[in-house]
Amino acid sequence: MLFVSGLEEPWLPSMRKRFNFNLQKVLDYRMSLEEKAQLDLARSRKKYQGQVQVVDRINKELKLAKQELSKKENINQQSIWLWNKYIQRLNFDSRLADLRLKELAREVNARRQELLEKSRDKKILEKLKVNQKIKFEHEQEKAEQKEFDEMAVVRFKPETV
């Protein structure tokens, strides 16, 4: 008897079903929440890095202004006043930039915690899916083996004495 390749052989049981995870939509939703949390964390980190550069730039300007003021010779009262006002403004800007940097650091930490929570929620469902799939496959194998055993019993013909 010839069998066409790709088709099941007639003696093989056709019990194999596809595994269907009934919480797949919830898992997909949690995956999308995790991806959104990853993007939010990346944006927060980018803002934080940008603010670090702002703080560094202001601190460099402040250092240069102080060096310039100390190098000046034959400087009049008005120039000293202007330099001091400039340095005061840079100090003020530096404090504001540091406050913003701390605020962004808190935001990054909050986003990181949010991502961990979303990831944990997703992993719980993934683990449930894996466990259910293993159980499903085990039950399928048991059912298949039972069918094979039943076929063997039906086909068994004892020798007549």
N, C-alpha and C. Protein backbone atom coordinates (compact mmCIF):
# COMPACT_ATOMS: atom_id res chain seq x y z
N MET A 1 0.85 -1.18 0.00
CA MET A 1 0.00 0.00 0.00
C MET A 1 0.89 1.24 0.00
N LEU A 2 0.63 2.17 -0.88
CA LEU A 2 1.40 3.41 -0.97
C LEU A 2 0.71 4.52 -0.21
N PHE A 3 1.56 5.32 0.45
CA PHE A 3 1.04 6.47 1.17
C PHE A 3 1.60 7.74 0.54
N VAL A 4 0.76 8.70 0.40
CA VAL A 4 1.20 9.99 -0.12
C VAL A 4 1.88 10.73 1.02
N SER A 5 3.11 11.20 0.73
CA SER A 5 3.83 11.90 1.79
C SER A 5 3.09 13.16 2.20
N GLY A 6 3.17 13.44 3.49
CA GLY A 6 2.50 14.64 4.00
C GLY A 6 1.13 14.32 4.56
N LEU A 7 0.57 13.17 4.16
CA LEU A 7 -0.72 12.77 4.70
C LEU A 7 -0.49 11.80 5.85
N GLU A 8 -1.42 11.82 6.77
CA GLU A 8 -1.27 10.90 7.90
C GLU A 8 -1.54 9.48 7.44
N GLU A 9 -0.83 8.58 8.03
CA GLU A 9 -1.07 7.18 7.73
C GLU A 9 -2.37 6.77 8.38
N PRO A 10 -3.12 5.88 7.75
CA PRO A 10 -4.45 5.56 8.26
C PRO A 10 -4.46 4.90 9.64
N TRP A 11 -3.40 4.24 10.02
CA TRP A 11 -3.37 3.58 11.32
C TRP A 11 -2.97 4.50 12.45
N LEU A 12 -2.45 5.71 12.10
CA LEU A 12 -2.06 6.65 13.14
C LEU A 12 -3.29 7.35 13.69
N PRO A 13 -3.37 7.49 15.00
CA PRO A 13 -4.52 8.21 15.56
C PRO A 13 -4.46 9.68 15.18
N SER A 14 -5.60 10.24 15.01
CA SER A 14 -5.66 11.66 14.65
C SER A 14 -6.16 12.48 15.83
N MET A 15 -5.71 12.12 17.01
CA MET A 15 -6.15 12.80 18.21
C MET A 15 -5.37 14.08 18.51
N ARG A 16 -4.23 14.24 17.91
CA ARG A 16 -3.40 15.40 18.23
C ARG A 16 -4.17 16.69 17.99
N LYS A 17 -4.29 17.44 19.05
CA LYS A 17 -4.94 18.74 18.98
C LYS A 17 -3.88 19.81 19.16
N ARG A 18 -4.22 21.00 18.74
CA ARG A 18 -3.32 22.13 18.96
C ARG A 18 -3.52 22.66 20.36
N PHE A 19 -2.41 23.06 20.98
CA PHE A 19 -2.50 23.66 22.31
C PHE A 19 -3.08 25.05 22.17
N ASN A 20 -4.05 25.36 23.00
CA ASN A 20 -4.68 26.67 22.98
C ASN A 20 -4.63 27.24 24.39
N PHE A 21 -3.83 28.28 24.57
CA PHE A 21 -3.71 28.93 25.88
C PHE A 21 -4.87 29.90 26.01
N ASN A 22 -5.75 29.66 26.97
CA ASN A 22 -6.96 30.47 27.06
C ASN A 22 -6.70 31.88 27.58
N LEU A 23 -5.51 32.16 28.09
CA LEU A 23 -5.18 33.51 28.55
C LEU A 23 -4.19 34.21 27.61
N GLN A 24 -4.17 33.78 26.35
CA GLN A 24 -3.20 34.33 25.40
C GLN A 24 -3.41 35.83 25.19
N LYS A 25 -4.66 36.27 25.14
CA LYS A 25 -4.91 37.70 24.94
C LYS A 25 -4.41 38.52 26.13
N VAL A 26 -4.56 37.96 27.32
CA VAL A 26 -4.06 38.64 28.52
C VAL A 26 -2.53 38.69 28.46
N LEU A 27 -1.92 37.58 28.05
CA LEU A 27 -0.45 37.54 27.92
C LEU A 27 0.01 38.56 26.88
N ASP A 28 -0.67 38.62 25.75
CA ASP A 28 -0.30 39.60 24.71
C ASP A 28 -0.42 41.02 25.25
N TYR A 29 -1.47 41.28 26.01
CA TYR A 29 -1.67 42.60 26.59
C TYR A 29 -0.54 42.93 27.56
N ARG A 30 -0.18 41.96 28.39
CA ARG A 30 0.90 42.19 29.35
C ARG A 30 2.24 42.37 28.64
N MET A 31 2.43 41.69 27.52
CA MET A 31 3.66 41.89 26.73
C MET A 31 3.71 43.32 26.20
N SER A 32 2.55 43.81 25.74
CA SER A 32 2.53 45.18 25.21
C SER A 32 2.77 46.19 26.34
N LEU A 33 2.24 45.90 27.54
CA LEU A 33 2.50 46.78 28.67
C LEU A 33 3.99 46.79 29.03
N GLU A 34 4.61 45.62 28.95
CA GLU A 34 6.05 45.55 29.25
C GLU A 34 6.85 46.34 28.21
N GLU A 35 6.49 46.20 26.94
CA GLU A 35 7.19 46.95 25.89
C GLU A 35 7.03 48.46 26.08
N LYS A 36 5.81 48.87 26.46
CA LYS A 36 5.57 50.30 26.71
C LYS A 36 6.42 50.77 27.89
N ALA A 37 6.51 49.95 28.92
CA ALA A 37 7.32 50.31 30.09
C ALA A 37 8.80 50.40 29.71
N GLN A 38 9.25 49.52 28.81
CA GLN A 38 10.64 49.59 28.34
C GLN A 38 10.89 50.89 27.59
N LEU A 39 9.94 51.26 26.74
CA LEU A 39 10.09 52.52 26.00
C LEU A 39 10.09 53.72 26.95
N ASP A 40 9.20 53.69 27.95
CA ASP A 40 9.15 54.79 28.92
C ASP A 40 10.47 54.89 29.69
N LEU A 41 11.03 53.74 30.07
CA LEU A 41 12.31 53.74 30.77
C LEU A 41 13.41 54.30 29.88
N ALA A 42 13.42 53.90 28.62
CA ALA A 42 14.44 54.40 27.69
C ALA A 42 14.33 55.93 27.53
N ARG A 43 13.09 56.42 27.43
CA ARG A 43 12.90 57.88 27.31
C ARG A 43 13.39 58.59 28.57
N SER A 44 13.06 58.02 29.73
CA SER A 44 13.50 58.65 30.98
C SER A 44 15.01 58.65 31.10
N ARG A 45 15.64 57.56 30.71
CA ARG A 45 17.12 57.50 30.75
C ARG A 45 17.72 58.53 29.81
N LYS A 46 17.10 58.69 28.63
CA LYS A 46 17.61 59.67 27.68
C LYS A 46 17.50 61.09 28.24
N LYS A 47 16.37 61.39 28.88
CA LYS A 47 16.21 62.70 29.52
C LYS A 47 17.25 62.90 30.62
N TYR A 48 17.47 61.85 31.40
CA TYR A 48 18.45 61.92 32.49
C TYR A 48 19.85 62.19 31.93
N GLN A 49 20.23 61.46 30.88
CA GLN A 49 21.56 61.68 30.28
C GLN A 49 21.68 63.09 29.71
N GLY A 50 20.62 63.59 29.12
CA GLY A 50 20.64 64.96 28.61
C GLY A 50 20.83 65.96 29.74
N GLN A 51 20.17 65.72 30.86
CA GLN A 51 20.31 66.63 32.01
C GLN A 51 21.70 66.53 32.61
N VAL A 52 22.30 65.34 32.61
CA VAL A 52 23.68 65.20 33.09
C VAL A 52 24.60 66.08 32.25
N GLN A 53 24.38 66.11 30.96
CA GLN A 53 25.20 66.95 30.08
C GLN A 53 24.97 68.43 30.39
N VAL A 54 23.72 68.81 30.66
CA VAL A 54 23.42 70.20 31.00
C VAL A 54 24.15 70.59 32.29
N VAL A 55 24.09 69.74 33.30
CA VAL A 55 24.76 70.02 34.58
C VAL A 55 26.26 70.15 34.36
N ASP A 56 26.84 69.24 33.57
CA ASP A 56 28.28 69.31 33.29
C ASP A 56 28.65 70.61 32.58
N ARG A 57 27.84 71.00 31.61
CA ARG A 57 28.12 72.23 30.85
C ARG A 57 28.06 73.45 31.77
N ILE A 58 27.04 73.51 32.63
CA ILE A 58 26.92 74.66 33.54
C ILE A 58 28.09 74.70 34.51
N ASN A 59 28.47 73.54 35.03
CA ASN A 59 29.60 73.50 35.97
C ASN A 59 30.91 73.91 35.30
N LYS A 60 31.09 73.53 34.02
CA LYS A 60 32.29 73.95 33.30
C LYS A 60 32.28 75.47 33.10
N GLU A 61 31.11 76.01 32.73
CA GLU A 61 31.01 77.46 32.55
C GLU A 61 31.30 78.20 33.85
N LEU A 62 30.80 77.67 34.94
CA LEU A 62 31.03 78.28 36.25
C LEU A 62 32.51 78.26 36.60
N LYS A 63 33.13 77.13 36.37
CA LYS A 63 34.57 77.02 36.66
C LYS A 63 35.38 78.00 35.80
N LEU A 64 35.03 78.07 34.51
CA LEU A 64 35.73 79.00 33.62
C LEU A 64 35.51 80.46 34.04
N ALA A 65 34.29 80.78 34.44
CA ALA A 65 33.99 82.16 34.85
C ALA A 65 34.81 82.53 36.08
N LYS A 66 34.92 81.62 37.03
CA LYS A 66 35.71 81.90 38.23
C LYS A 66 37.19 82.05 37.89
N GLN A 67 37.68 81.22 36.96
CA GLN A 67 39.08 81.33 36.54
C GLN A 67 39.32 82.66 35.83
N GLU A 68 38.40 83.03 34.96
CA GLU A 68 38.54 84.30 34.23
C GLU A 68 38.57 85.49 35.19
N LEU A 69 37.69 85.43 36.19
CA LEU A 69 37.64 86.54 37.15
C LEU A 69 38.94 86.63 37.94
N SER A 70 39.48 85.48 38.31
CA SER A 70 40.72 85.50 39.09
C SER A 70 41.93 85.92 38.24
N LYS A 71 41.90 85.72 36.95
CA LYS A 71 43.00 86.08 36.06
C LYS A 71 43.01 87.57 35.71
N LYS A 72 41.87 88.21 35.83
CA LYS A 72 41.76 89.61 35.40
C LYS A 72 42.63 90.51 36.27
N GLU A 73 43.32 91.40 35.58
CA GLU A 73 44.11 92.43 36.27
C GLU A 73 43.58 93.79 35.83
N ASN A 74 43.75 94.74 36.67
CA ASN A 74 43.27 96.09 36.38
C ASN A 74 41.77 96.07 36.01
N ILE A 75 40.99 95.46 36.83
CA ILE A 75 39.56 95.35 36.59
C ILE A 75 38.83 96.39 37.43
N ASN A 76 37.85 97.03 36.85
CA ASN A 76 37.14 98.08 37.59
C ASN A 76 35.95 97.48 38.35
N GLN A 77 35.33 98.32 39.15
CA GLN A 77 34.23 97.90 40.04
C GLN A 77 33.04 97.36 39.25
N GLN A 78 32.72 97.97 38.14
CA GLN A 78 31.57 97.54 37.34
C GLN A 78 31.80 96.14 36.75
N SER A 79 33.01 95.88 36.28
CA SER A 79 33.32 94.57 35.71
C SER A 79 33.25 93.48 36.79
N ILE A 80 33.75 93.81 37.98
CA ILE A 80 33.68 92.85 39.09
C ILE A 80 32.22 92.54 39.41
N TRP A 81 31.40 93.59 39.44
CA TRP A 81 29.99 93.41 39.73
C TRP A 81 29.32 92.52 38.67
N LEU A 82 29.62 92.77 37.39
CA LEU A 82 29.05 91.98 36.29
C LEU A 82 29.50 90.51 36.38
N TRP A 83 30.78 90.31 36.63
CA TRP A 83 31.28 88.93 36.75
C TRP A 83 30.61 88.22 37.93
N ASN A 84 30.48 88.91 39.04
CA ASN A 84 29.83 88.30 40.21
C ASN A 84 28.37 87.96 39.92
N LYS A 85 27.68 88.84 39.23
CA LYS A 85 26.28 88.56 38.86
C LYS A 85 26.21 87.33 37.92
N TYR A 86 27.15 87.27 36.99
CA TYR A 86 27.20 86.13 36.06
C TYR A 86 27.45 84.83 36.83
N ILE A 87 28.40 84.88 37.76
CA ILE A 87 28.71 83.69 38.57
C ILE A 87 27.52 83.32 39.46
N GLN A 88 26.85 84.30 40.02
CA GLN A 88 25.65 84.02 40.82
C GLN A 88 24.57 83.34 39.98
N ARG A 89 24.40 83.85 38.78
CA ARG A 89 23.39 83.25 37.89
C ARG A 89 23.77 81.81 37.52
N LEU A 90 25.05 81.59 37.27
CA LEU A 90 25.49 80.22 36.98
C LEU A 90 25.29 79.30 38.18
N ASN A 91 25.55 79.81 39.38
CA ASN A 91 25.29 79.02 40.59
C ASN A 91 23.81 78.68 40.71
N PHE A 92 22.96 79.66 40.44
CA PHE A 92 21.51 79.44 40.49
C PHE A 92 21.09 78.39 39.45
N ASP A 93 21.60 78.56 38.23
CA ASP A 93 21.29 77.59 37.17
C ASP A 93 21.80 76.19 37.53
N SER A 94 22.96 76.14 38.17
CA SER A 94 23.53 74.85 38.58
C SER A 94 22.63 74.17 39.61
N ARG A 95 22.14 74.93 40.58
CA ARG A 95 21.24 74.35 41.59
C ARG A 95 19.94 73.85 40.95
N LEU A 96 19.39 74.66 40.03
CA LEU A 96 18.17 74.24 39.33
C LEU A 96 18.42 72.97 38.51
N ALA A 97 19.54 72.92 37.83
CA ALA A 97 19.87 71.75 37.00
C ALA A 97 20.07 70.52 37.88
N ASP A 98 20.69 70.69 39.06
CA ASP A 98 20.86 69.56 39.99
C ASP A 98 19.51 69.06 40.50
N LEU A 99 18.61 70.01 40.81
CA LEU A 99 17.27 69.60 41.25
C LEU A 99 16.54 68.81 40.15
N ARG A 100 16.65 69.31 38.92
CA ARG A 100 16.02 68.61 37.79
C ARG A 100 16.64 67.23 37.60
N LEU A 101 17.95 67.14 37.78
CA LEU A 101 18.65 65.87 37.64
C LEU A 101 18.16 64.86 38.69
N LYS A 102 17.98 65.33 39.92
CA LYS A 102 17.46 64.44 40.98
C LYS A 102 16.04 64.00 40.67
N GLU A 103 15.24 64.92 40.15
CA GLU A 103 13.87 64.60 39.77
C GLU A 103 13.85 63.54 38.67
N LEU A 104 14.72 63.70 37.69
CA LEU A 104 14.80 62.72 36.60
C LEU A 104 15.33 61.38 37.09
N ALA A 105 16.23 61.40 38.06
CA ALA A 105 16.74 60.15 38.64
C ALA A 105 15.60 59.39 39.33
N ARG A 106 14.75 60.13 40.04
CA ARG A 106 13.58 59.49 40.68
C ARG A 106 12.64 58.92 39.63
N GLU A 107 12.47 59.65 38.54
CA GLU A 107 11.61 59.18 37.46
C GLU A 107 12.18 57.90 36.83
N VAL A 108 13.49 57.87 36.61
CA VAL A 108 14.12 56.68 36.05
C VAL A 108 13.91 55.49 36.98
N ASN A 109 14.10 55.70 38.28
CA ASN A 109 13.89 54.61 39.23
C ASN A 109 12.44 54.14 39.25
N ALA A 110 11.51 55.08 39.16
CA ALA A 110 10.09 54.71 39.13
C ALA A 110 9.78 53.91 37.87
N ARG A 111 10.32 54.34 36.74
CA ARG A 111 10.10 53.61 35.48
C ARG A 111 10.72 52.22 35.54
N ARG A 112 11.89 52.13 36.18
CA ARG A 112 12.55 50.83 36.32
C ARG A 112 11.69 49.88 37.17
N GLN A 113 11.15 50.40 38.26
CA GLN A 113 10.27 49.59 39.12
C GLN A 113 9.01 49.17 38.37
N GLU A 114 8.47 50.09 37.60
CA GLU A 114 7.29 49.79 36.79
C GLU A 114 7.59 48.68 35.79
N LEU A 115 8.75 48.78 35.14
CA LEU A 115 9.14 47.75 34.18
C LEU A 115 9.31 46.40 34.87
N LEU A 116 9.93 46.39 36.05
CA LEU A 116 10.10 45.13 36.78
C LEU A 116 8.75 44.51 37.11
N GLU A 117 7.80 45.34 37.52
CA GLU A 117 6.47 44.84 37.85
C GLU A 117 5.78 44.27 36.61
N LYS A 118 5.85 44.99 35.50
CA LYS A 118 5.22 44.52 34.26
C LYS A 118 5.89 43.24 33.77
N SER A 119 7.19 43.18 33.89
CA SER A 119 7.93 41.99 33.47
C SER A 119 7.55 40.80 34.35
N ARG A 120 7.44 41.03 35.64
CA ARG A 120 7.06 39.97 36.58
C ARG A 120 5.66 39.43 36.24
N ASP A 121 4.73 40.34 35.97
CA ASP A 121 3.37 39.94 35.62
C ASP A 121 3.35 39.09 34.34
N LYS A 122 4.15 39.51 33.36
CA LYS A 122 4.20 38.78 32.10
C LYS A 122 4.83 37.41 32.30
N LYS A 123 5.90 37.35 33.09
CA LYS A 123 6.58 36.07 33.31
C LYS A 123 5.70 35.07 34.04
N ILE A 124 4.84 35.55 34.92
CA ILE A 124 3.92 34.65 35.60
C ILE A 124 3.01 33.96 34.58
N LEU A 125 2.47 34.75 33.66
CA LEU A 125 1.60 34.17 32.64
C LEU A 125 2.37 33.27 31.68
N GLU A 126 3.60 33.66 31.33
CA GLU A 126 4.41 32.80 30.46
C GLU A 126 4.69 31.46 31.12
N LYS A 127 4.99 31.50 32.39
CA LYS A 127 5.26 30.26 33.11
C LYS A 127 4.00 29.40 33.17
N LEU A 128 2.85 30.03 33.41
CA LEU A 128 1.59 29.30 33.41
C LEU A 128 1.34 28.67 32.05
N LYS A 129 1.63 29.41 30.98
CA LYS A 129 1.44 28.88 29.63
C LYS A 129 2.33 27.67 29.39
N VAL A 130 3.59 27.78 29.79
CA VAL A 130 4.52 26.66 29.61
C VAL A 130 4.04 25.44 30.39
N ASN A 131 3.64 25.65 31.64
CA ASN A 131 3.18 24.54 32.47
C ASN A 131 1.92 23.90 31.88
N GLN A 132 1.00 24.73 31.41
CA GLN A 132 -0.22 24.18 30.81
C GLN A 132 0.09 23.43 29.52
N LYS A 133 1.06 23.92 28.75
CA LYS A 133 1.43 23.25 27.50
C LYS A 133 2.07 21.90 27.80
N ILE A 134 2.93 21.85 28.80
CA ILE A 134 3.56 20.59 29.18
C ILE A 134 2.49 19.59 29.61
N LYS A 135 1.55 20.05 30.44
CA LYS A 135 0.47 19.19 30.91
C LYS A 135 -0.38 18.72 29.72
N PHE A 136 -0.70 19.64 28.82
CA PHE A 136 -1.49 19.31 27.64
C PHE A 136 -0.79 18.25 26.79
N GLU A 137 0.50 18.45 26.54
CA GLU A 137 1.25 17.49 25.73
C GLU A 137 1.33 16.13 26.41
N HIS A 138 1.49 16.13 27.71
CA HIS A 138 1.53 14.87 28.46
C HIS A 138 0.19 14.13 28.34
N GLU A 139 -0.90 14.87 28.48
CA GLU A 139 -2.23 14.27 28.33
C GLU A 139 -2.45 13.76 26.92
N GLN A 140 -1.96 14.49 25.93
CA GLN A 140 -2.07 14.05 24.54
C GLN A 140 -1.30 12.75 24.32
N GLU A 141 -0.10 12.69 24.87
CA GLU A 141 0.70 11.46 24.73
C GLU A 141 0.02 10.29 25.42
N LYS A 142 -0.56 10.51 26.59
CA LYS A 142 -1.27 9.45 27.30
C LYS A 142 -2.47 8.96 26.48
N ALA A 143 -3.23 9.89 25.92
CA ALA A 143 -4.40 9.52 25.12
C ALA A 143 -3.97 8.77 23.86
N GLU A 144 -2.90 9.22 23.25
CA GLU A 144 -2.38 8.57 22.06
C GLU A 144 -1.91 7.16 22.38
N GLN A 145 -1.20 7.03 23.48
CA GLN A 145 -0.71 5.71 23.89
C GLN A 145 -1.89 4.78 24.19
N LYS A 146 -2.92 5.32 24.81
CA LYS A 146 -4.11 4.52 25.11
C LYS A 146 -4.75 4.03 23.82
N GLU A 147 -4.84 4.91 22.82
CA GLU A 147 -5.41 4.52 21.54
C GLU A 147 -4.55 3.46 20.86
N PHE A 148 -3.23 3.61 20.92
CA PHE A 148 -2.34 2.59 20.36
C PHE A 148 -2.55 1.25 21.06
N ASP A 149 -2.66 1.30 22.37
CA ASP A 149 -2.87 0.07 23.13
C ASP A 149 -4.18 -0.59 22.76
N GLU A 150 -5.23 0.21 22.59
CA GLU A 150 -6.53 -0.34 22.20
C GLU A 150 -6.46 -0.96 20.81
N MET A 151 -5.75 -0.34 19.89
CA MET A 151 -5.60 -0.89 18.54
C MET A 151 -4.83 -2.20 18.58
N ALA A 152 -3.81 -2.24 19.44
CA ALA A 152 -3.02 -3.46 19.54
C ALA A 152 -3.88 -4.60 20.09
N VAL A 153 -4.73 -4.31 21.05
CA VAL A 153 -5.61 -5.34 21.62
C VAL A 153 -6.61 -5.81 20.57
N VAL A 154 -7.17 -4.88 19.80
CA VAL A 154 -8.14 -5.24 18.76
C VAL A 154 -7.48 -6.07 17.68
N ARG A 155 -6.27 -5.75 17.30
CA ARG A 155 -5.58 -6.46 16.22
C ARG A 155 -4.94 -7.77 16.67
N PHE A 156 -4.82 -7.93 17.96
CA PHE A 156 -4.17 -9.13 18.47
C PHE A 156 -5.09 -10.33 18.22
N LYS A 157 -4.53 -11.31 17.55
CA LYS A 157 -5.26 -12.54 17.30
C LYS A 157 -4.49 -13.69 17.93
N PRO A 158 -5.05 -14.26 18.97
CA PRO A 158 -4.32 -15.36 19.59
C PRO A 158 -4.27 -16.57 18.66
N GLU A 159 -3.19 -17.27 18.78
CA GLU A 159 -3.02 -18.47 17.97
C GLU A 159 -4.01 -19.54 18.45
N THR A 160 -4.61 -20.18 17.51
CA THR A 160 -5.55 -21.24 17.90
C THR A 160 -4.78 -22.51 18.16
N VAL A 161 -5.17 -23.18 19.17
CA VAL A 161 -4.47 -24.40 19.55
C VAL A 161 -4.97 -25.60 18.80
